[in-house]
Amino acid sequence: MPTDFSEDFSEAVADLKSGSETAASKDHPLASLLTAGRVNLELLGTDRASVLRELATMLRSVSDPERLVQALLAREELSCTVIGHGCVVPHAMTELVGTLEVAVGRSALGVDFGACDGGLGQMFMLVVAPPGRPGRQYKPALHRVAAVMTALARERRYLSPATPAEMIRTIAALEQ
């Protein structure tokens, strides 16, 4: 069962806007969690479930991606994970993973994730973490995700990288 921690993400975005990013977040670089196999710049999904399925299958420790997709869809029903400008951060705290996991995807056509403005999601950063240690794993990661996705959203910078390695380098540079 997913845990609703949209408040944590909202808090991370608010901290970012106020300039008070936590020091702990600097100790958990997102780029260190990514490999070429966790970045898909050509998502083929045309709806929430299919995009979430593509992202979930990239995670190492998920033995049942379909159960994770169902947990993510349940989480999506709690509140919208669109942060604007085509960027979406699907996330869930679930026993289906043993550690913090991150996957990145990009859709050329865009996918409806229920944005208030009706815009389509093109850049996705999936974040899942096990329950029990949200402060040690999840909250710092949320701060990094908020910072990176906000920076990527500026001028739609997520459209430029042509390869997974370029996307990882872009994310790493934005974390500096």
C-alpha atoms as a PDB file:
ATOM      1  CA  MET A   1       0.000   0.000   0.000  1.00  0.00           C
ATOM      2  CA  PRO A   2       1.514   3.343  -0.958  1.00  0.00           C
ATOM      3  CA  THR A   3       1.980   6.024   1.648  1.00  0.00           C
ATOM      4  CA  ASP A   4       0.917   9.554   0.785  1.00  0.00           C
ATOM      5  CA  PHE A   5       3.915  11.757   1.138  1.00  0.00           C
ATOM      6  CA  SER A   6       2.853  14.508  -1.223  1.00  0.00           C
ATOM      7  CA  GLU A   7       3.218  16.825   1.788  1.00  0.00           C
ATOM      8  CA  ASP A   8       6.933  15.949   1.867  1.00  0.00           C
ATOM      9  CA  PHE A   9       7.252  16.803  -1.825  1.00  0.00           C
ATOM     10  CA  SER A  10       5.314  20.047  -1.378  1.00  0.00           C
ATOM     11  CA  GLU A  11       7.624  20.863   1.525  1.00  0.00           C
ATOM     12  CA  ALA A  12      10.670  20.122  -0.637  1.00  0.00           C
ATOM     13  CA  VAL A  13       9.403  22.434  -3.405  1.00  0.00           C
ATOM     14  CA  ALA A  14       8.635  25.170  -0.841  1.00  0.00           C
ATOM     15  CA  ASP A  15      12.140  24.790   0.663  1.00  0.00           C
ATOM     16  CA  LEU A  16      13.637  25.056  -2.809  1.00  0.00           C
ATOM     17  CA  LYS A  17      11.682  28.235  -3.599  1.00  0.00           C
ATOM     18  CA  SER A  18      12.691  29.805  -0.282  1.00  0.00           C
ATOM     19  CA  GLY A  19      16.333  28.818  -0.769  1.00  0.00           C
ATOM     20  CA  SER A  20      16.448  26.623   2.330  1.00  0.00           C
ATOM     21  CA  GLU A  21      17.365  23.286   0.774  1.00  0.00           C
ATOM     22  CA  THR A  22      18.429  20.884   3.522  1.00  0.00           C
ATOM     23  CA  ALA A  23      22.085  20.048   3.885  1.00  0.00           C
ATOM     24  CA  ALA A  24      21.224  16.348   3.948  1.00  0.00           C
ATOM     25  CA  SER A  25      19.903  16.535   0.406  1.00  0.00           C
ATOM     26  CA  LYS A  26      23.389  17.339  -0.876  1.00  0.00           C
ATOM     27  CA  ASP A  27      24.558  13.957   0.452  1.00  0.00           C
ATOM     28  CA  HIS A  28      22.174  12.016  -1.808  1.00  0.00           C
ATOM     29  CA  PRO A  29      22.944  12.930  -5.428  1.00  0.00           C
ATOM     30  CA  LEU A  30      20.329  11.591  -7.818  1.00  0.00           C
ATOM     31  CA  ALA A  31      22.884  11.101 -10.558  1.00  0.00           C
ATOM     32  CA  SER A  32      24.623   8.480  -8.391  1.00  0.00           C
ATOM     33  CA  LEU A  33      21.403   6.421  -8.464  1.00  0.00           C
ATOM     34  CA  LEU A  34      21.144   6.506 -12.243  1.00  0.00           C
ATOM     35  CA  THR A  35      22.695   4.322 -14.916  1.00  0.00           C
ATOM     36  CA  ALA A  36      21.949   4.195 -18.629  1.00  0.00           C
ATOM     37  CA  GLY A  37      19.548   1.340 -17.861  1.00  0.00           C
ATOM     38  CA  ARG A  38      17.516   3.605 -15.589  1.00  0.00           C
ATOM     39  CA  VAL A  39      17.054   6.349 -18.170  1.00  0.00           C
ATOM     40  CA  ASN A  40      14.701   5.958 -21.128  1.00  0.00           C
ATOM     41  CA  LEU A  41      14.545   8.965 -23.434  1.00  0.00           C
ATOM     42  CA  GLU A  42      12.022   7.322 -25.754  1.00  0.00           C
ATOM     43  CA  LEU A  43       9.075   6.313 -23.594  1.00  0.00           C
ATOM     44  CA  LEU A  44       6.394   4.731 -25.755  1.00  0.00           C
ATOM     45  CA  GLY A  45       3.535   4.806 -23.232  1.00  0.00           C
ATOM     46  CA  THR A  46       0.432   6.760 -24.135  1.00  0.00           C
ATOM     47  CA  ASP A  47      -1.282   6.742 -20.725  1.00  0.00           C
ATOM     48  CA  ARG A  48      -0.339   6.851 -17.040  1.00  0.00           C
ATOM     49  CA  ALA A  49      -0.258   3.099 -16.535  1.00  0.00           C
ATOM     50  CA  SER A  50       1.940   2.367 -19.535  1.00  0.00           C
ATOM     51  CA  VAL A  51       4.431   5.137 -18.674  1.00  0.00           C
ATOM     52  CA  LEU A  52       4.584   3.992 -15.058  1.00  0.00           C
ATOM     53  CA  ARG A  53       5.116   0.417 -16.273  1.00  0.00           C
ATOM     54  CA  GLU A  54       8.053   1.473 -18.452  1.00  0.00           C
ATOM     55  CA  LEU A  55       9.611   3.364 -15.544  1.00  0.00           C
ATOM     56  CA  ALA A  56       8.982   0.567 -13.017  1.00  0.00           C
ATOM     57  CA  THR A  57      10.661  -2.065 -15.181  1.00  0.00           C
ATOM     58  CA  MET A  58      13.890  -0.054 -15.084  1.00  0.00           C
ATOM     59  CA  LEU A  59      14.262  -0.406 -11.304  1.00  0.00           C
ATOM     60  CA  ARG A  60      16.742  -3.007 -10.046  1.00  0.00           C
ATOM     61  CA  SER A  61      15.134  -4.258  -6.884  1.00  0.00           C
ATOM     62  CA  VAL A  62      11.522  -4.531  -8.061  1.00  0.00           C
ATOM     63  CA  SER A  63      10.595  -8.178  -8.472  1.00  0.00           C
ATOM     64  CA  ASP A  64       6.975  -7.413  -9.365  1.00  0.00           C
ATOM     65  CA  PRO A  65       6.797  -4.286 -11.544  1.00  0.00           C
ATOM     66  CA  GLU A  66       3.059  -4.718 -12.102  1.00  0.00           C
ATOM     67  CA  ARG A  67       2.360  -4.486  -8.352  1.00  0.00           C
ATOM     68  CA  LEU A  68       4.501  -1.365  -8.244  1.00  0.00           C
ATOM     69  CA  VAL A  69       2.506   0.126 -11.131  1.00  0.00           C
ATOM     70  CA  GLN A  70      -0.700  -0.515  -9.183  1.00  0.00           C
ATOM     71  CA  ALA A  71       0.802   1.153  -6.080  1.00  0.00           C
ATOM     72  CA  LEU A  72       1.884   4.139  -8.183  1.00  0.00           C
ATOM     73  CA  LEU A  73      -1.546   4.445  -9.786  1.00  0.00           C
ATOM     74  CA  ALA A  74      -3.135   4.368  -6.321  1.00  0.00           C
ATOM     75  CA  ARG A  75      -0.715   7.109  -5.256  1.00  0.00           C
ATOM     76  CA  GLU A  76      -1.634   9.157  -8.349  1.00  0.00           C
ATOM     77  CA  GLU A  77      -5.271   9.045  -7.209  1.00  0.00           C
ATOM     78  CA  LEU A  78      -4.331  10.770  -3.934  1.00  0.00           C
ATOM     79  CA  SER A  79      -2.964  13.897  -5.598  1.00  0.00           C
ATOM     80  CA  CYS A  80      -1.444  15.026  -8.852  1.00  0.00           C
ATOM     81  CA  THR A  81       2.322  14.487  -9.220  1.00  0.00           C
ATOM     82  CA  VAL A  82       2.721  16.985 -12.066  1.00  0.00           C
ATOM     83  CA  ILE A  83       5.013  19.837 -11.037  1.00  0.00           C
ATOM     84  CA  GLY A  84       4.509  21.859 -14.214  1.00  0.00           C
ATOM     85  CA  HIS A  85       6.197  22.644 -17.505  1.00  0.00           C
ATOM     86  CA  GLY A  86       5.861  19.040 -18.648  1.00  0.00           C
ATOM     87  CA  CYS A  87       7.586  17.563 -15.570  1.00  0.00           C
ATOM     88  CA  VAL A  88       6.023  14.776 -13.508  1.00  0.00           C
ATOM     89  CA  VAL A  89       7.340  13.096 -10.346  1.00  0.00           C
ATOM     90  CA  PRO A  90       5.429   9.859  -9.751  1.00  0.00           C
ATOM     91  CA  HIS A  91       6.391   8.532  -6.331  1.00  0.00           C
ATOM     92  CA  ALA A  92       5.381   6.008  -3.723  1.00  0.00           C
ATOM     93  CA  MET A  93       6.653   4.564  -0.498  1.00  0.00           C
ATOM     94  CA  THR A  94       6.249   0.800  -0.803  1.00  0.00           C
ATOM     95  CA  GLU A  95       7.521  -2.497   0.552  1.00  0.00           C
ATOM     96  CA  LEU A  96       8.135  -3.545  -3.068  1.00  0.00           C
ATOM     97  CA  VAL A  97      11.601  -1.967  -2.932  1.00  0.00           C
ATOM     98  CA  GLY A  98      14.385  -2.436  -0.418  1.00  0.00           C
ATOM     99  CA  THR A  99      16.114   0.870  -1.012  1.00  0.00           C
ATOM    100  CA  LEU A 100      15.592   4.242  -2.629  1.00  0.00           C
ATOM    101  CA  GLU A 101      15.161   3.781  -6.379  1.00  0.00           C
ATOM    102  CA  VAL A 102      15.009   6.392  -9.142  1.00  0.00           C
ATOM    103  CA  ALA A 103      14.262   6.096 -12.862  1.00  0.00           C
ATOM    104  CA  VAL A 104      14.029   8.810 -15.511  1.00  0.00           C
ATOM    105  CA  GLY A 105      11.969   8.839 -18.670  1.00  0.00           C
ATOM    106  CA  ARG A 106      11.062  11.247 -21.440  1.00  0.00           C
ATOM    107  CA  SER A 107       8.115  11.125 -23.822  1.00  0.00           C
ATOM    108  CA  ALA A 108       8.285  12.985 -27.121  1.00  0.00           C
ATOM    109  CA  LEU A 109       4.511  13.173 -27.480  1.00  0.00           C
ATOM    110  CA  GLY A 110       3.611  13.732 -23.855  1.00  0.00           C
ATOM    111  CA  VAL A 111       1.167  11.878 -21.616  1.00  0.00           C
ATOM    112  CA  ASP A 112      -1.856  13.112 -19.672  1.00  0.00           C
ATOM    113  CA  PHE A 113      -1.057  12.876 -15.957  1.00  0.00           C
ATOM    114  CA  GLY A 114      -3.883  15.167 -14.858  1.00  0.00           C
ATOM    115  CA  ALA A 115      -2.097  18.509 -14.872  1.00  0.00           C
ATOM    116  CA  CYS A 116      -4.297  21.366 -13.656  1.00  0.00           C
ATOM    117  CA  ASP A 117      -3.458  23.339 -16.801  1.00  0.00           C
ATOM    118  CA  GLY A 118      -4.222  20.381 -19.057  1.00  0.00           C
ATOM    119  CA  GLY A 119      -0.587  20.138 -20.165  1.00  0.00           C
ATOM    120  CA  LEU A 120       1.028  16.833 -20.999  1.00  0.00           C
ATOM    121  CA  GLY A 121       3.887  15.267 -19.064  1.00  0.00           C
ATOM    122  CA  GLN A 122       7.072  14.772 -21.048  1.00  0.00           C
ATOM    123  CA  MET A 123       9.779  14.421 -18.386  1.00  0.00           C
ATOM    124  CA  PHE A 124       9.301  11.826 -15.650  1.00  0.00           C
ATOM    125  CA  MET A 125      11.374  11.097 -12.583  1.00  0.00           C
ATOM    126  CA  LEU A 126      10.066   8.080 -10.688  1.00  0.00           C
ATOM    127  CA  VAL A 127      11.029   7.931  -7.008  1.00  0.00           C
ATOM    128  CA  VAL A 128      10.206   4.950  -4.805  1.00  0.00           C
ATOM    129  CA  ALA A 129      11.453   4.165  -1.324  1.00  0.00           C
ATOM    130  CA  PRO A 130      10.733   1.540   1.324  1.00  0.00           C
ATOM    131  CA  PRO A 131       8.617   2.531   4.310  1.00  0.00           C
ATOM    132  CA  GLY A 132      10.256   2.934   7.684  1.00  0.00           C
ATOM    133  CA  ARG A 133      13.129   5.260   6.912  1.00  0.00           C
ATOM    134  CA  PRO A 134      11.519   8.132   4.992  1.00  0.00           C
ATOM    135  CA  GLY A 135      13.602  10.816   6.656  1.00  0.00           C
ATOM    136  CA  ARG A 136      16.905   9.120   5.850  1.00  0.00           C
ATOM    137  CA  GLN A 137      16.179   8.134   2.248  1.00  0.00           C
ATOM    138  CA  TYR A 138      13.108   9.772   0.903  1.00  0.00           C
ATOM    139  CA  LYS A 139      13.075  13.365   2.152  1.00  0.00           C
ATOM    140  CA  PRO A 140      16.620  14.161   1.012  1.00  0.00           C
ATOM    141  CA  ALA A 141      15.865  12.608  -2.367  1.00  0.00           C
ATOM    142  CA  LEU A 142      12.722  14.734  -2.680  1.00  0.00           C
ATOM    143  CA  HIS A 143      14.763  17.863  -2.175  1.00  0.00           C
ATOM    144  CA  ARG A 144      17.103  16.792  -4.953  1.00  0.00           C
ATOM    145  CA  VAL A 145      14.207  15.830  -7.245  1.00  0.00           C
ATOM    146  CA  ALA A 146      12.488  19.177  -6.632  1.00  0.00           C
ATOM    147  CA  ALA A 147      15.680  21.076  -7.441  1.00  0.00           C
ATOM    148  CA  VAL A 148      16.584  19.044 -10.516  1.00  0.00           C
ATOM    149  CA  MET A 149      13.089  18.916 -11.991  1.00  0.00           C
ATOM    150  CA  THR A 150      12.594  22.644 -11.453  1.00  0.00           C
ATOM    151  CA  ALA A 151      15.888  23.339 -13.218  1.00  0.00           C
ATOM    152  CA  LEU A 152      15.059  20.897 -16.024  1.00  0.00           C
ATOM    153  CA  ALA A 153      11.657  22.542 -16.466  1.00  0.00           C
ATOM    154  CA  ARG A 154      13.264  25.909 -17.114  1.00  0.00           C
ATOM    155  CA  GLU A 155      13.172  26.344 -20.851  1.00  0.00           C
ATOM    156  CA  ARG A 156      12.374  22.627 -21.108  1.00  0.00           C
ATOM    157  CA  ARG A 157      16.050  21.710 -20.675  1.00  0.00           C
ATOM    158  CA  TYR A 158      15.040  18.040 -20.453  1.00  0.00           C
ATOM    159  CA  LEU A 159      14.530  18.011 -24.230  1.00  0.00           C
ATOM    160  CA  SER A 160      18.234  18.562 -25.044  1.00  0.00           C
ATOM    161  CA  PRO A 161      20.000  15.356 -23.904  1.00  0.00           C
ATOM    162  CA  ALA A 162      20.201  12.865 -26.781  1.00  0.00           C
ATOM    163  CA  THR A 163      21.467   9.870 -24.805  1.00  0.00           C
ATOM    164  CA  PRO A 164      20.955   8.457 -21.299  1.00  0.00           C
ATOM    165  CA  ALA A 165      24.558   9.380 -20.472  1.00  0.00           C
ATOM    166  CA  GLU A 166      23.902  12.991 -21.480  1.00  0.00           C
ATOM    167  CA  MET A 167      20.773  13.082 -19.314  1.00  0.00           C
ATOM    168  CA  ILE A 168      22.712  11.730 -16.325  1.00  0.00           C
ATOM    169  CA  ARG A 169      25.439  14.354 -16.900  1.00  0.00           C
ATOM    170  CA  THR A 170      22.763  17.082 -17.145  1.00  0.00           C
ATOM    171  CA  ILE A 171      21.203  15.941 -13.858  1.00  0.00           C
ATOM    172  CA  ALA A 172      24.626  15.754 -12.189  1.00  0.00           C
ATOM    173  CA  ALA A 173      25.490  19.282 -13.360  1.00  0.00           C
ATOM    174  CA  LEU A 174      22.188  20.613 -12.035  1.00  0.00           C
ATOM    175  CA  GLU A 175      22.920  19.059  -8.643  1.00  0.00           C
ATOM    176  CA  GLN A 176      26.128  21.055  -8.242  1.00  0.00           C
END
